[in-house]
């Protein structure tokens, strides 16, 4: 499993600012970390709140049009949300890999994750690692 790469729909240990803020507030309030269902529900409510405040739709058709034409992505706990031409919500995954027993997030557009180098052998200690 070491160095395995996988994706998930939510990662509570993410360094993304919106995710960290949500996890901190949720954990303080409920004394447990949130899961993906809580994160996606929070994002759905936040997106709806933003549309209602900015666009003030007066009908279901106006709400649907406002969501379809939101323009900028909604930055939420579970990542950015945009709507495609098919009106389906689109979210990027959290890209994760296993490094020495820990799950770590990485940017798939950046350099590939590389495990840290093995400890250097110390010749003065008979070739044993530090």
C-alpha atoms as a PDB file:
ATOM      1  CA  UNK A   1       0.000   0.000   0.000  1.00  0.00           C
ATOM      2  CA  UNK A   2       2.974   2.329   0.527  1.00  0.00           C
ATOM      3  CA  UNK A   3       3.007   5.099  -2.130  1.00  0.00           C
ATOM      4  CA  UNK A   4      -0.477   4.138  -3.384  1.00  0.00           C
ATOM      5  CA  UNK A   5      -2.354   6.979  -5.071  1.00  0.00           C
ATOM      6  CA  UNK A   6      -6.132   7.314  -4.869  1.00  0.00           C
ATOM      7  CA  UNK A   7      -8.885   9.932  -4.926  1.00  0.00           C
ATOM      8  CA  UNK A   8     -11.730  10.745  -2.563  1.00  0.00           C
ATOM      9  CA  UNK A   9     -14.678  13.144  -2.508  1.00  0.00           C
ATOM     10  CA  UNK A  10     -13.588  14.695   0.812  1.00  0.00           C
ATOM     11  CA  UNK A  11     -10.411  14.779   2.911  1.00  0.00           C
ATOM     12  CA  UNK A  12     -10.781  16.257   6.391  1.00  0.00           C
ATOM     13  CA  UNK A  13      -7.000  16.740   6.755  1.00  0.00           C
ATOM     14  CA  UNK A  14      -6.762  18.893   3.630  1.00  0.00           C
ATOM     15  CA  UNK A  15      -4.853  22.177   3.744  1.00  0.00           C
ATOM     16  CA  UNK A  16      -7.415  23.858   1.476  1.00  0.00           C
ATOM     17  CA  UNK A  17      -8.609  26.988   3.346  1.00  0.00           C
ATOM     18  CA  UNK A  18     -12.361  26.346   2.914  1.00  0.00           C
ATOM     19  CA  UNK A  19     -11.946  22.724   3.993  1.00  0.00           C
ATOM     20  CA  UNK A  20      -9.854  23.628   7.051  1.00  0.00           C
ATOM     21  CA  UNK A  21     -12.363  26.285   8.131  1.00  0.00           C
ATOM     22  CA  UNK A  22     -15.284  23.864   7.817  1.00  0.00           C
ATOM     23  CA  UNK A  23     -13.481  21.025   9.620  1.00  0.00           C
ATOM     24  CA  UNK A  24     -12.421  23.327  12.477  1.00  0.00           C
ATOM     25  CA  UNK A  25     -15.935  24.749  12.945  1.00  0.00           C
ATOM     26  CA  UNK A  26     -17.644  21.359  12.640  1.00  0.00           C
ATOM     27  CA  UNK A  27     -15.209  19.642  15.018  1.00  0.00           C
ATOM     28  CA  UNK A  28     -15.583  22.402  17.607  1.00  0.00           C
ATOM     29  CA  UNK A  29     -19.372  22.266  17.426  1.00  0.00           C
ATOM     30  CA  UNK A  30     -19.923  18.505  17.261  1.00  0.00           C
ATOM     31  CA  UNK A  31     -16.709  17.227  18.940  1.00  0.00           C
ATOM     32  CA  UNK A  32     -15.964  14.857  16.068  1.00  0.00           C
ATOM     33  CA  UNK A  33     -14.521  15.248  12.575  1.00  0.00           C
ATOM     34  CA  UNK A  34     -16.947  15.623   9.662  1.00  0.00           C
ATOM     35  CA  UNK A  35     -17.376  13.047   6.930  1.00  0.00           C
ATOM     36  CA  UNK A  36     -18.111  13.510   3.256  1.00  0.00           C
ATOM     37  CA  UNK A  37     -21.891  13.695   3.771  1.00  0.00           C
ATOM     38  CA  UNK A  38     -21.595  16.617   6.183  1.00  0.00           C
ATOM     39  CA  UNK A  39     -19.155  18.400   3.875  1.00  0.00           C
ATOM     40  CA  UNK A  40     -21.363  18.032   0.802  1.00  0.00           C
ATOM     41  CA  UNK A  41     -24.504  19.067   2.714  1.00  0.00           C
ATOM     42  CA  UNK A  42     -22.659  22.143   4.001  1.00  0.00           C
ATOM     43  CA  UNK A  43     -21.561  23.006   0.463  1.00  0.00           C
ATOM     44  CA  UNK A  44     -25.072  22.557  -0.964  1.00  0.00           C
ATOM     45  CA  UNK A  45     -26.513  24.881   1.682  1.00  0.00           C
ATOM     46  CA  UNK A  46     -23.694  27.401   1.186  1.00  0.00           C
ATOM     47  CA  UNK A  47     -24.118  27.424  -2.581  1.00  0.00           C
ATOM     48  CA  UNK A  48     -27.862  27.920  -2.266  1.00  0.00           C
ATOM     49  CA  UNK A  49     -27.317  30.740   0.255  1.00  0.00           C
ATOM     50  CA  UNK A  50     -24.886  32.492  -2.101  1.00  0.00           C
ATOM     51  CA  UNK A  51     -27.301  32.253  -5.053  1.00  0.00           C
ATOM     52  CA  UNK A  52     -30.251  33.484  -2.978  1.00  0.00           C
ATOM     53  CA  UNK A  53     -28.275  36.466  -1.645  1.00  0.00           C
ATOM     54  CA  UNK A  54     -26.606  37.458  -4.928  1.00  0.00           C
ATOM     55  CA  UNK A  55     -29.285  36.704  -7.518  1.00  0.00           C
ATOM     56  CA  UNK A  56     -32.532  36.697  -5.496  1.00  0.00           C
ATOM     57  CA  UNK A  57     -34.373  34.236  -7.778  1.00  0.00           C
ATOM     58  CA  UNK A  58     -38.170  34.396  -7.562  1.00  0.00           C
ATOM     59  CA  UNK A  59     -38.999  31.016  -9.103  1.00  0.00           C
ATOM     60  CA  UNK A  60     -37.565  27.536  -9.583  1.00  0.00           C
ATOM     61  CA  UNK A  61     -36.701  28.431 -13.178  1.00  0.00           C
ATOM     62  CA  UNK A  62     -34.782  31.515 -12.034  1.00  0.00           C
ATOM     63  CA  UNK A  63     -32.963  29.463  -9.393  1.00  0.00           C
ATOM     64  CA  UNK A  64     -32.008  26.826 -11.981  1.00  0.00           C
ATOM     65  CA  UNK A  65     -30.774  29.558 -14.350  1.00  0.00           C
ATOM     66  CA  UNK A  66     -28.791  31.222 -11.552  1.00  0.00           C
ATOM     67  CA  UNK A  67     -27.088  27.930 -10.690  1.00  0.00           C
ATOM     68  CA  UNK A  68     -26.347  27.176 -14.353  1.00  0.00           C
ATOM     69  CA  UNK A  69     -24.878  30.651 -14.886  1.00  0.00           C
ATOM     70  CA  UNK A  70     -23.133  31.074 -11.545  1.00  0.00           C
ATOM     71  CA  UNK A  71     -19.898  31.956 -13.325  1.00  0.00           C
ATOM     72  CA  UNK A  72     -17.330  31.602 -10.581  1.00  0.00           C
ATOM     73  CA  UNK A  73     -16.923  28.270  -8.809  1.00  0.00           C
ATOM     74  CA  UNK A  74     -18.317  27.923  -5.304  1.00  0.00           C
ATOM     75  CA  UNK A  75     -15.365  27.279  -2.986  1.00  0.00           C
ATOM     76  CA  UNK A  76     -16.664  24.835  -0.414  1.00  0.00           C
ATOM     77  CA  UNK A  77     -15.542  22.339   2.189  1.00  0.00           C
ATOM     78  CA  UNK A  78     -15.494  19.503  -0.357  1.00  0.00           C
ATOM     79  CA  UNK A  79     -13.777  21.530  -3.076  1.00  0.00           C
ATOM     80  CA  UNK A  80     -14.908  23.902  -5.799  1.00  0.00           C
ATOM     81  CA  UNK A  81     -18.328  23.316  -7.360  1.00  0.00           C
ATOM     82  CA  UNK A  82     -19.326  24.380 -10.869  1.00  0.00           C
ATOM     83  CA  UNK A  83     -22.263  23.284 -12.995  1.00  0.00           C
ATOM     84  CA  UNK A  84     -21.829  21.804 -16.462  1.00  0.00           C
ATOM     85  CA  UNK A  85     -24.046  22.352 -19.480  1.00  0.00           C
ATOM     86  CA  UNK A  86     -26.006  19.282 -18.398  1.00  0.00           C
ATOM     87  CA  UNK A  87     -26.733  21.108 -15.081  1.00  0.00           C
ATOM     88  CA  UNK A  88     -24.824  18.475 -13.117  1.00  0.00           C
ATOM     89  CA  UNK A  89     -22.563  19.656 -10.307  1.00  0.00           C
ATOM     90  CA  UNK A  90     -18.901  19.069 -11.046  1.00  0.00           C
ATOM     91  CA  UNK A  91     -16.285  18.817  -8.322  1.00  0.00           C
ATOM     92  CA  UNK A  92     -12.625  17.969  -8.429  1.00  0.00           C
ATOM     93  CA  UNK A  93     -11.487  15.037  -6.338  1.00  0.00           C
ATOM     94  CA  UNK A  94      -9.042  15.188  -3.469  1.00  0.00           C
ATOM     95  CA  UNK A  95      -5.889  13.450  -4.763  1.00  0.00           C
ATOM     96  CA  UNK A  96      -4.254  11.414  -2.019  1.00  0.00           C
ATOM     97  CA  UNK A  97      -1.322   9.093  -1.540  1.00  0.00           C
ATOM     98  CA  UNK A  98      -0.024   6.914   1.260  1.00  0.00           C
ATOM     99  CA  UNK A  99       3.359   7.934   2.640  1.00  0.00           C
ATOM    100  CA  UNK A 100       4.819   5.965   5.565  1.00  0.00           C
ATOM    101  CA  UNK A 101       1.400   5.038   6.868  1.00  0.00           C
ATOM    102  CA  UNK A 102      -0.110   8.529   6.541  1.00  0.00           C
ATOM    103  CA  UNK A 103      -2.554   9.764   3.922  1.00  0.00           C
ATOM    104  CA  UNK A 104      -1.302  12.965   2.298  1.00  0.00           C
ATOM    105  CA  UNK A 105      -3.040  15.247  -0.223  1.00  0.00           C
ATOM    106  CA  UNK A 106      -1.192  16.347  -3.351  1.00  0.00           C
ATOM    107  CA  UNK A 107      -1.888  18.477  -6.412  1.00  0.00           C
ATOM    108  CA  UNK A 108      -2.135  16.315  -9.560  1.00  0.00           C
ATOM    109  CA  UNK A 109      -1.112  19.350 -11.651  1.00  0.00           C
ATOM    110  CA  UNK A 110       2.109  19.737  -9.648  1.00  0.00           C
ATOM    111  CA  UNK A 111       5.129  17.507  -9.312  1.00  0.00           C
ATOM    112  CA  UNK A 112       4.364  13.878  -8.521  1.00  0.00           C
ATOM    113  CA  UNK A 113       4.528  12.895  -4.877  1.00  0.00           C
ATOM    114  CA  UNK A 114       7.838  11.362  -3.985  1.00  0.00           C
ATOM    115  CA  UNK A 115       8.468   9.515  -0.748  1.00  0.00           C
ATOM    116  CA  UNK A 116      11.192  11.000   1.433  1.00  0.00           C
ATOM    117  CA  UNK A 117      14.614   9.474   0.984  1.00  0.00           C
ATOM    118  CA  UNK A 118      15.581   6.590   3.205  1.00  0.00           C
ATOM    119  CA  UNK A 119      17.719   7.526   6.213  1.00  0.00           C
ATOM    120  CA  UNK A 120      21.383   7.957   5.348  1.00  0.00           C
ATOM    121  CA  UNK A 121      23.701   5.260   6.703  1.00  0.00           C
ATOM    122  CA  UNK A 122      26.262   6.580   9.173  1.00  0.00           C
ATOM    123  CA  UNK A 123      29.701   5.074   8.512  1.00  0.00           C
ATOM    124  CA  UNK A 124      30.852   5.898  12.062  1.00  0.00           C
ATOM    125  CA  UNK A 125      28.064   3.721  13.483  1.00  0.00           C
ATOM    126  CA  UNK A 126      28.919   0.636  11.492  1.00  0.00           C
ATOM    127  CA  UNK A 127      26.658   1.483   8.548  1.00  0.00           C
ATOM    128  CA  UNK A 128      23.508   1.606  10.640  1.00  0.00           C
ATOM    129  CA  UNK A 129      20.885   4.215   9.842  1.00  0.00           C
ATOM    130  CA  UNK A 130      20.364   7.211  12.079  1.00  0.00           C
END
